[in-house]
Amino acid sequence: MSDYTFMTTEENFLLQEALRQNKRQLTKFFLIGVSLLVIAAVIPQIYLYTHNTLGDADQSLFSYTNIWFWVWLICFVIALVFALIKVTDIRYWAIKRDLSTLQKGHIEAPLEAVYQENNDTQTNFSVKVDTNRKRLFYWMRGTLDGFRAGQEVEISYARYSRVIISINKK
């Protein structure tokens, strides 16, 4: 790896587009979490109050009047949203940091693996940096064909998020 240099204006715009894409993903996950919260809060109440007496339903652990029901439910939804973020590899906060520092790096290395993610809206490249270290780089502008494992590539990337600004075969 080499020293970091400053990004050009065009590269900054590419990074801002990646940030918008990640913001859409985060919004989608938030809406999924809110809808699951509503479903998980309403369905147990309907079942509980239709199959039990009012007094028994109010004493139940699954009653909306019980604070532990809401603690469990909110913890479940927060864990689910963060699991979705981790599984889909959202780079939102790292990209925001890159937009404030505006530093990019360059690397020349062989590709270990190439695969698509997030419904083919992102291409990930695993690069072997040292003998035992691998790093993952992200092409955020859709599917990128023509690259396969074993090829030597030159990658220009944002420093913290490792979002690829440009990639070329050697």
C-alpha atoms as a PDB file:
ATOM      1  CA  MET A   1       0.000   0.000   0.000  1.00  0.00           C
ATOM      2  CA  SER A   2       1.112   3.517  -0.629  1.00  0.00           C
ATOM      3  CA  ASP A   3       0.593   6.810   1.118  1.00  0.00           C
ATOM      4  CA  TYR A   4      -2.772   8.476   0.936  1.00  0.00           C
ATOM      5  CA  THR A   5      -3.450  11.379  -1.415  1.00  0.00           C
ATOM      6  CA  PHE A   6      -6.350  13.803  -1.776  1.00  0.00           C
ATOM      7  CA  MET A   7      -9.412  13.066  -3.903  1.00  0.00           C
ATOM      8  CA  THR A   8     -10.393  15.046  -6.938  1.00  0.00           C
ATOM      9  CA  THR A   9     -13.803  16.674  -7.297  1.00  0.00           C
ATOM     10  CA  GLU A  10     -15.053  13.878  -9.570  1.00  0.00           C
ATOM     11  CA  GLU A  11     -13.981  11.244  -7.058  1.00  0.00           C
ATOM     12  CA  ASN A  12     -15.757  13.180  -4.319  1.00  0.00           C
ATOM     13  CA  PHE A  13     -18.990  13.069  -6.358  1.00  0.00           C
ATOM     14  CA  LEU A  14     -18.612   9.306  -6.840  1.00  0.00           C
ATOM     15  CA  LEU A  15     -18.273   8.900  -3.086  1.00  0.00           C
ATOM     16  CA  GLN A  16     -21.344  11.080  -2.496  1.00  0.00           C
ATOM     17  CA  GLU A  17     -23.337   8.814  -4.819  1.00  0.00           C
ATOM     18  CA  ALA A  18     -22.191   5.793  -2.789  1.00  0.00           C
ATOM     19  CA  LEU A  19     -23.330   7.620   0.351  1.00  0.00           C
ATOM     20  CA  ARG A  20     -26.787   8.227  -1.142  1.00  0.00           C
ATOM     21  CA  GLN A  21     -27.051   4.544  -2.057  1.00  0.00           C
ATOM     22  CA  ASN A  22     -26.123   3.521   1.492  1.00  0.00           C
ATOM     23  CA  LYS A  23     -28.602   6.028   2.920  1.00  0.00           C
ATOM     24  CA  ARG A  24     -31.381   4.391   0.862  1.00  0.00           C
ATOM     25  CA  GLN A  25     -30.387   0.986   2.260  1.00  0.00           C
ATOM     26  CA  LEU A  26     -30.435   2.337   5.822  1.00  0.00           C
ATOM     27  CA  THR A  27     -33.856   3.910   5.262  1.00  0.00           C
ATOM     28  CA  LYS A  28     -35.171   0.623   3.889  1.00  0.00           C
ATOM     29  CA  PHE A  29     -33.856  -1.276   6.925  1.00  0.00           C
ATOM     30  CA  PHE A  30     -35.355   1.298   9.291  1.00  0.00           C
ATOM     31  CA  LEU A  31     -38.760   0.913   7.616  1.00  0.00           C
ATOM     32  CA  ILE A  32     -38.472  -2.876   7.833  1.00  0.00           C
ATOM     33  CA  GLY A  33     -37.682  -2.544  11.537  1.00  0.00           C
ATOM     34  CA  VAL A  34     -40.626  -0.225  12.195  1.00  0.00           C
ATOM     35  CA  SER A  35     -43.036  -2.482  10.307  1.00  0.00           C
ATOM     36  CA  LEU A  36     -41.793  -5.530  12.258  1.00  0.00           C
ATOM     37  CA  LEU A  37     -42.194  -3.566  15.468  1.00  0.00           C
ATOM     38  CA  VAL A  38     -45.800  -2.776  14.611  1.00  0.00           C
ATOM     39  CA  ILE A  39     -46.549  -6.369  13.602  1.00  0.00           C
ATOM     40  CA  ALA A  40     -44.851  -7.826  16.680  1.00  0.00           C
ATOM     41  CA  ALA A  41     -46.669  -5.354  18.935  1.00  0.00           C
ATOM     42  CA  VAL A  42     -50.176  -5.814  17.468  1.00  0.00           C
ATOM     43  CA  ILE A  43     -50.523  -9.552  16.759  1.00  0.00           C
ATOM     44  CA  PRO A  44     -49.730 -10.779  20.314  1.00  0.00           C
ATOM     45  CA  GLN A  45     -52.187  -8.237  21.734  1.00  0.00           C
ATOM     46  CA  ILE A  46     -54.995  -9.396  19.471  1.00  0.00           C
ATOM     47  CA  TYR A  47     -54.389 -13.031  20.386  1.00  0.00           C
ATOM     48  CA  LEU A  48     -53.938 -12.277  24.088  1.00  0.00           C
ATOM     49  CA  TYR A  49     -57.068 -10.181  24.519  1.00  0.00           C
ATOM     50  CA  THR A  50     -59.337 -12.454  22.428  1.00  0.00           C
ATOM     51  CA  HIS A  51     -58.344 -15.710  24.150  1.00  0.00           C
ATOM     52  CA  ASN A  52     -58.067 -14.557  27.792  1.00  0.00           C
ATOM     53  CA  THR A  53     -60.025 -12.499  30.226  1.00  0.00           C
ATOM     54  CA  LEU A  54     -59.149  -8.827  30.539  1.00  0.00           C
ATOM     55  CA  GLY A  55     -57.492  -9.290  33.946  1.00  0.00           C
ATOM     56  CA  ASP A  56     -55.414 -12.273  32.839  1.00  0.00           C
ATOM     57  CA  ALA A  57     -54.377 -10.514  29.640  1.00  0.00           C
ATOM     58  CA  ASP A  58     -53.232  -7.430  31.553  1.00  0.00           C
ATOM     59  CA  GLN A  59     -51.112  -9.584  33.886  1.00  0.00           C
ATOM     60  CA  SER A  60     -49.420 -11.437  31.014  1.00  0.00           C
ATOM     61  CA  LEU A  61     -45.793 -10.846  30.108  1.00  0.00           C
ATOM     62  CA  PHE A  62     -46.904 -10.276  26.504  1.00  0.00           C
ATOM     63  CA  SER A  63     -49.356  -7.495  27.399  1.00  0.00           C
ATOM     64  CA  TYR A  64     -48.709  -4.039  26.031  1.00  0.00           C
ATOM     65  CA  THR A  65     -49.121  -2.754  29.593  1.00  0.00           C
ATOM     66  CA  ASN A  66     -46.013  -4.656  30.707  1.00  0.00           C
ATOM     67  CA  ILE A  67     -42.789  -2.641  30.314  1.00  0.00           C
ATOM     68  CA  TRP A  68     -40.726  -5.817  29.708  1.00  0.00           C
ATOM     69  CA  PHE A  69     -42.755  -6.538  26.584  1.00  0.00           C
ATOM     70  CA  TRP A  70     -41.660  -3.200  25.103  1.00  0.00           C
ATOM     71  CA  VAL A  71     -38.047  -3.617  26.223  1.00  0.00           C
ATOM     72  CA  TRP A  72     -37.875  -7.052  24.586  1.00  0.00           C
ATOM     73  CA  LEU A  73     -39.597  -5.830  21.433  1.00  0.00           C
ATOM     74  CA  ILE A  74     -37.403  -2.773  20.929  1.00  0.00           C
ATOM     75  CA  CYS A  75     -34.230  -4.786  21.604  1.00  0.00           C
ATOM     76  CA  PHE A  76     -35.357  -7.374  19.059  1.00  0.00           C
ATOM     77  CA  VAL A  77     -35.962  -4.764  16.370  1.00  0.00           C
ATOM     78  CA  ILE A  78     -32.671  -2.947  17.036  1.00  0.00           C
ATOM     79  CA  ALA A  79     -30.780  -6.248  16.854  1.00  0.00           C
ATOM     80  CA  LEU A  80     -32.567  -7.129  13.613  1.00  0.00           C
ATOM     81  CA  VAL A  81     -31.764  -3.796  11.971  1.00  0.00           C
ATOM     82  CA  PHE A  82     -28.096  -4.035  12.954  1.00  0.00           C
ATOM     83  CA  ALA A  83     -27.967  -7.628  11.699  1.00  0.00           C
ATOM     84  CA  LEU A  84     -29.342  -6.486   8.341  1.00  0.00           C
ATOM     85  CA  ILE A  85     -26.741  -3.729   8.209  1.00  0.00           C
ATOM     86  CA  LYS A  86     -23.929  -6.152   9.020  1.00  0.00           C
ATOM     87  CA  VAL A  87     -25.086  -8.809   6.587  1.00  0.00           C
ATOM     88  CA  THR A  88     -25.373  -6.358   3.683  1.00  0.00           C
ATOM     89  CA  ASP A  89     -22.189  -4.500   4.621  1.00  0.00           C
ATOM     90  CA  ILE A  90     -23.458  -0.933   4.773  1.00  0.00           C
ATOM     91  CA  ARG A  91     -20.532   1.503   4.625  1.00  0.00           C
ATOM     92  CA  TYR A  92     -22.518   4.669   5.526  1.00  0.00           C
ATOM     93  CA  TRP A  93     -20.472   5.948   8.488  1.00  0.00           C
ATOM     94  CA  ALA A  94     -17.134   5.132   6.896  1.00  0.00           C
ATOM     95  CA  ILE A  95     -18.148   6.948   3.698  1.00  0.00           C
ATOM     96  CA  LYS A  96     -19.177  10.009   5.741  1.00  0.00           C
ATOM     97  CA  ARG A  97     -15.735   9.955   7.339  1.00  0.00           C
ATOM     98  CA  ASP A  98     -14.125   9.691   3.895  1.00  0.00           C
ATOM     99  CA  LEU A  99     -16.106  12.695   2.698  1.00  0.00           C
ATOM    100  CA  SER A 100     -14.696  14.772   5.547  1.00  0.00           C
ATOM    101  CA  THR A 101     -11.058  13.661   5.131  1.00  0.00           C
ATOM    102  CA  LEU A 102     -11.080  13.329   1.301  1.00  0.00           C
ATOM    103  CA  GLN A 103      -8.165  10.890   1.259  1.00  0.00           C
ATOM    104  CA  LYS A 104      -7.700   8.053  -1.183  1.00  0.00           C
ATOM    105  CA  GLY A 105      -5.275   5.181  -1.375  1.00  0.00           C
ATOM    106  CA  HIS A 106      -3.808   3.096  -4.188  1.00  0.00           C
ATOM    107  CA  ILE A 107      -3.030  -0.588  -4.209  1.00  0.00           C
ATOM    108  CA  GLU A 108      -1.688  -3.033  -6.783  1.00  0.00           C
ATOM    109  CA  ALA A 109      -2.432  -6.632  -5.886  1.00  0.00           C
ATOM    110  CA  PRO A 110      -3.957  -9.873  -7.200  1.00  0.00           C
ATOM    111  CA  LEU A 111      -7.678 -10.490  -6.733  1.00  0.00           C
ATOM    112  CA  GLU A 112      -8.617 -13.313  -4.385  1.00  0.00           C
ATOM    113  CA  ALA A 113     -12.362 -13.289  -5.101  1.00  0.00           C
ATOM    114  CA  VAL A 114     -15.005 -11.241  -6.913  1.00  0.00           C
ATOM    115  CA  TYR A 115     -18.689 -11.383  -6.034  1.00  0.00           C
ATOM    116  CA  GLN A 116     -21.901  -9.369  -6.306  1.00  0.00           C
ATOM    117  CA  GLU A 117     -23.950  -8.274  -3.308  1.00  0.00           C
ATOM    118  CA  ASN A 118     -27.135  -6.344  -2.453  1.00  0.00           C
ATOM    119  CA  ASN A 119     -29.205  -7.597  -5.394  1.00  0.00           C
ATOM    120  CA  ASP A 120     -26.332  -7.018  -7.834  1.00  0.00           C
ATOM    121  CA  THR A 121     -26.019  -3.321  -6.942  1.00  0.00           C
ATOM    122  CA  GLN A 122     -22.533  -3.738  -5.480  1.00  0.00           C
ATOM    123  CA  THR A 123     -19.452  -5.715  -6.515  1.00  0.00           C
ATOM    124  CA  ASN A 124     -16.974  -6.752  -3.825  1.00  0.00           C
ATOM    125  CA  PHE A 125     -13.319  -7.506  -4.462  1.00  0.00           C
ATOM    126  CA  SER A 126     -11.191  -9.465  -2.023  1.00  0.00           C
ATOM    127  CA  VAL A 127      -7.532  -8.558  -2.492  1.00  0.00           C
ATOM    128  CA  LYS A 128      -4.541 -10.333  -1.000  1.00  0.00           C
ATOM    129  CA  VAL A 129      -2.436  -7.553   0.544  1.00  0.00           C
ATOM    130  CA  ASP A 130       0.283  -9.515   2.350  1.00  0.00           C
ATOM    131  CA  THR A 131       0.966 -13.211   2.675  1.00  0.00           C
ATOM    132  CA  ASN A 132      -1.712 -13.633   5.354  1.00  0.00           C
ATOM    133  CA  ARG A 133      -3.874 -10.511   5.006  1.00  0.00           C
ATOM    134  CA  LYS A 134      -6.840  -9.995   2.750  1.00  0.00           C
ATOM    135  CA  ARG A 135      -8.814  -6.771   2.356  1.00  0.00           C
ATOM    136  CA  LEU A 136     -12.281  -6.263   0.968  1.00  0.00           C
ATOM    137  CA  PHE A 137     -12.960  -3.386  -1.444  1.00  0.00           C
ATOM    138  CA  TYR A 138     -16.403  -2.252  -2.628  1.00  0.00           C
ATOM    139  CA  TRP A 139     -17.542  -1.150  -6.080  1.00  0.00           C
ATOM    140  CA  MET A 140     -20.803   0.672  -5.282  1.00  0.00           C
ATOM    141  CA  ARG A 141     -22.010   1.375  -8.834  1.00  0.00           C
ATOM    142  CA  GLY A 142     -23.579  -1.954  -9.689  1.00  0.00           C
ATOM    143  CA  THR A 143     -22.194  -5.082 -11.242  1.00  0.00           C
ATOM    144  CA  LEU A 144     -18.656  -4.894 -12.567  1.00  0.00           C
ATOM    145  CA  ASP A 145     -17.896  -7.674 -15.041  1.00  0.00           C
ATOM    146  CA  GLY A 146     -14.595  -8.694 -16.561  1.00  0.00           C
ATOM    147  CA  PHE A 147     -12.680  -9.274 -13.347  1.00  0.00           C
ATOM    148  CA  ARG A 148     -11.910 -12.688 -11.889  1.00  0.00           C
ATOM    149  CA  ALA A 149      -9.763 -14.208  -9.181  1.00  0.00           C
ATOM    150  CA  GLY A 150      -6.030 -14.237  -9.871  1.00  0.00           C
ATOM    151  CA  GLN A 151      -5.930 -11.080 -11.998  1.00  0.00           C
ATOM    152  CA  GLU A 152      -3.516  -8.339 -11.017  1.00  0.00           C
ATOM    153  CA  VAL A 153      -5.357  -5.022 -10.546  1.00  0.00           C
ATOM    154  CA  GLU A 154      -4.698  -1.399  -9.635  1.00  0.00           C
ATOM    155  CA  ILE A 155      -7.321  -0.022  -7.263  1.00  0.00           C
ATOM    156  CA  SER A 156      -7.848   3.572  -6.207  1.00  0.00           C
ATOM    157  CA  TYR A 157     -10.113   3.632  -3.142  1.00  0.00           C
ATOM    158  CA  ALA A 158     -11.477   5.861  -0.390  1.00  0.00           C
ATOM    159  CA  ARG A 159      -9.306   5.476   2.696  1.00  0.00           C
ATOM    160  CA  TYR A 160     -11.736   4.471   5.453  1.00  0.00           C
ATOM    161  CA  SER A 161     -14.663   2.887   3.629  1.00  0.00           C
ATOM    162  CA  ARG A 162     -12.534   1.140   0.965  1.00  0.00           C
ATOM    163  CA  VAL A 163     -15.092   2.139  -1.671  1.00  0.00           C
ATOM    164  CA  ILE A 164     -13.407   1.761  -5.056  1.00  0.00           C
ATOM    165  CA  ILE A 165     -13.016   4.997  -6.988  1.00  0.00           C
ATOM    166  CA  SER A 166     -11.340   3.342  -9.963  1.00  0.00           C
ATOM    167  CA  ILE A 167     -10.102  -0.134 -10.808  1.00  0.00           C
ATOM    168  CA  ASN A 168      -7.909  -1.192 -13.720  1.00  0.00           C
ATOM    169  CA  LYS A 169      -6.392  -4.466 -14.847  1.00  0.00           C
ATOM    170  CA  LYS A 170      -2.612  -4.530 -14.929  1.00  0.00           C
END
